[in-house]
Amino acid sequence: MRNVKVVVQVKLLPTPAQAAALAATLRGCNMAADRVSVVAFERKVFSRNDLHKLVYPELRAASRTRSNLLTGSVSIGASSTTPPPATA
């Protein structure tokens, strides 16, 4: 049996409260991915598994974002090919 991947484009029509929750979740995921990228370049660790061990406890303690989303952020941060921008 063949595996078939179906891609569907949908338009979200959230209520104002749902839109605010979605925006907060995306901000949390982006902040987590940025932190992973910083740690990766500071420590020269680019393996997703090694980065997960290094940063996941910190991210989980500092965030109200769900754990599966943080794990995705670790993968995103691990796939960075350029250092994060310097913050002022």
C-alpha atoms as a PDB file:
ATOM      1  CA  MET A   1       0.000   0.000   0.000  1.00  0.00           C
ATOM      2  CA  ARG A   2       1.308   3.454  -0.932  1.00  0.00           C
ATOM      3  CA  ASN A   3       1.508   6.311   1.508  1.00  0.00           C
ATOM      4  CA  VAL A   4      -0.298   9.338   0.193  1.00  0.00           C
ATOM      5  CA  LYS A   5       0.331  12.806   1.504  1.00  0.00           C
ATOM      6  CA  VAL A   6      -2.509  15.263   1.173  1.00  0.00           C
ATOM      7  CA  VAL A   7      -1.849  18.979   1.532  1.00  0.00           C
ATOM      8  CA  VAL A   8      -4.818  21.197   2.251  1.00  0.00           C
ATOM      9  CA  GLN A   9      -4.817  24.968   2.452  1.00  0.00           C
ATOM     10  CA  VAL A  10      -7.307  26.383   4.908  1.00  0.00           C
ATOM     11  CA  LYS A  11      -8.244  29.879   5.984  1.00  0.00           C
ATOM     12  CA  LEU A  12      -8.558  30.354   9.711  1.00  0.00           C
ATOM     13  CA  LEU A  13     -11.411  32.502  10.924  1.00  0.00           C
ATOM     14  CA  PRO A  14     -10.664  32.740  14.628  1.00  0.00           C
ATOM     15  CA  THR A  15     -12.630  34.727  17.138  1.00  0.00           C
ATOM     16  CA  PRO A  16     -10.706  37.670  18.624  1.00  0.00           C
ATOM     17  CA  ALA A  17      -9.877  35.563  21.687  1.00  0.00           C
ATOM     18  CA  GLN A  18      -8.660  32.675  19.533  1.00  0.00           C
ATOM     19  CA  ALA A  19      -6.594  35.051  17.394  1.00  0.00           C
ATOM     20  CA  ALA A  20      -4.921  36.447  20.506  1.00  0.00           C
ATOM     21  CA  ALA A  21      -4.180  32.933  21.800  1.00  0.00           C
ATOM     22  CA  LEU A  22      -2.758  31.875  18.420  1.00  0.00           C
ATOM     23  CA  ALA A  23      -0.563  34.979  18.239  1.00  0.00           C
ATOM     24  CA  ALA A  24       0.735  34.337  21.770  1.00  0.00           C
ATOM     25  CA  THR A  25       1.502  30.712  20.889  1.00  0.00           C
ATOM     26  CA  LEU A  26       3.409  31.725  17.762  1.00  0.00           C
ATOM     27  CA  ARG A  27       5.397  34.327  19.727  1.00  0.00           C
ATOM     28  CA  GLY A  28       6.299  31.651  22.288  1.00  0.00           C
ATOM     29  CA  CYS A  29       7.412  29.203  19.601  1.00  0.00           C
ATOM     30  CA  ASN A  30       9.485  31.867  17.853  1.00  0.00           C
ATOM     31  CA  MET A  31      11.145  32.933  21.097  1.00  0.00           C
ATOM     32  CA  ALA A  32      11.960  29.285  21.867  1.00  0.00           C
ATOM     33  CA  ALA A  33      13.447  28.706  18.395  1.00  0.00           C
ATOM     34  CA  ASP A  34      15.525  31.884  18.770  1.00  0.00           C
ATOM     35  CA  ARG A  35      16.853  30.659  22.140  1.00  0.00           C
ATOM     36  CA  VAL A  36      17.743  27.268  20.655  1.00  0.00           C
ATOM     37  CA  SER A  37      19.606  28.994  17.830  1.00  0.00           C
ATOM     38  CA  VAL A  38      21.579  31.127  20.303  1.00  0.00           C
ATOM     39  CA  VAL A  39      22.572  28.072  22.348  1.00  0.00           C
ATOM     40  CA  ALA A  40      23.477  26.124  19.207  1.00  0.00           C
ATOM     41  CA  PHE A  41      25.884  28.785  18.000  1.00  0.00           C
ATOM     42  CA  GLU A  42      27.305  29.592  21.428  1.00  0.00           C
ATOM     43  CA  ARG A  43      28.083  25.964  22.179  1.00  0.00           C
ATOM     44  CA  LYS A  44      28.663  24.798  18.592  1.00  0.00           C
ATOM     45  CA  VAL A  45      26.053  22.055  19.035  1.00  0.00           C
ATOM     46  CA  PHE A  46      23.845  21.451  16.018  1.00  0.00           C
ATOM     47  CA  SER A  47      22.421  17.981  16.599  1.00  0.00           C
ATOM     48  CA  ARG A  48      18.686  18.155  17.252  1.00  0.00           C
ATOM     49  CA  ASN A  49      18.915  15.512  19.991  1.00  0.00           C
ATOM     50  CA  ASP A  50      21.868  17.169  21.726  1.00  0.00           C
ATOM     51  CA  LEU A  51      20.183  20.563  21.572  1.00  0.00           C
ATOM     52  CA  HIS A  52      16.987  19.090  22.954  1.00  0.00           C
ATOM     53  CA  LYS A  53      18.905  17.804  25.989  1.00  0.00           C
ATOM     54  CA  LEU A  54      20.565  21.194  26.466  1.00  0.00           C
ATOM     55  CA  VAL A  55      17.643  23.582  26.086  1.00  0.00           C
ATOM     56  CA  TYR A  56      14.368  21.742  26.602  1.00  0.00           C
ATOM     57  CA  PRO A  57      14.389  21.928  30.429  1.00  0.00           C
ATOM     58  CA  GLU A  58      15.091  25.670  30.286  1.00  0.00           C
ATOM     59  CA  LEU A  59      12.396  26.272  27.673  1.00  0.00           C
ATOM     60  CA  ARG A  60       9.833  24.212  29.537  1.00  0.00           C
ATOM     61  CA  ALA A  61      10.513  26.011  32.826  1.00  0.00           C
ATOM     62  CA  ALA A  62      10.322  29.456  31.233  1.00  0.00           C
ATOM     63  CA  SER A  63       7.362  28.916  28.937  1.00  0.00           C
ATOM     64  CA  ARG A  64       3.668  28.224  29.089  1.00  0.00           C
ATOM     65  CA  THR A  65       3.863  26.869  25.536  1.00  0.00           C
ATOM     66  CA  ARG A  66       2.852  23.216  25.135  1.00  0.00           C
ATOM     67  CA  SER A  67       5.705  20.735  25.168  1.00  0.00           C
ATOM     68  CA  ASN A  68       5.084  19.412  21.652  1.00  0.00           C
ATOM     69  CA  LEU A  69       5.368  22.949  20.279  1.00  0.00           C
ATOM     70  CA  LEU A  70       8.618  23.483  22.180  1.00  0.00           C
ATOM     71  CA  THR A  71       9.992  20.278  20.713  1.00  0.00           C
ATOM     72  CA  GLY A  72       9.153  21.637  17.258  1.00  0.00           C
ATOM     73  CA  SER A  73      10.937  24.856  18.156  1.00  0.00           C
ATOM     74  CA  VAL A  74      14.044  22.853  19.064  1.00  0.00           C
ATOM     75  CA  SER A  75      13.953  21.273  15.608  1.00  0.00           C
ATOM     76  CA  ILE A  76      13.553  24.678  13.967  1.00  0.00           C
ATOM     77  CA  GLY A  77      16.385  26.178  15.995  1.00  0.00           C
ATOM     78  CA  ALA A  78      18.595  23.184  15.258  1.00  0.00           C
ATOM     79  CA  SER A  79      18.090  23.645  11.538  1.00  0.00           C
ATOM     80  CA  SER A  80      19.403  27.221  11.611  1.00  0.00           C
ATOM     81  CA  THR A  81      22.286  27.735   9.236  1.00  0.00           C
ATOM     82  CA  THR A  82      23.116  31.276  10.311  1.00  0.00           C
ATOM     83  CA  PRO A  83      23.599  32.717  13.763  1.00  0.00           C
ATOM     84  CA  PRO A  84      20.672  34.627  15.226  1.00  0.00           C
ATOM     85  CA  PRO A  85      20.775  38.417  14.931  1.00  0.00           C
ATOM     86  CA  ALA A  86      22.458  40.265  17.760  1.00  0.00           C
ATOM     87  CA  THR A  87      20.058  41.915  20.161  1.00  0.00           C
ATOM     88  CA  ALA A  88      20.620  45.422  21.383  1.00  0.00           C
END
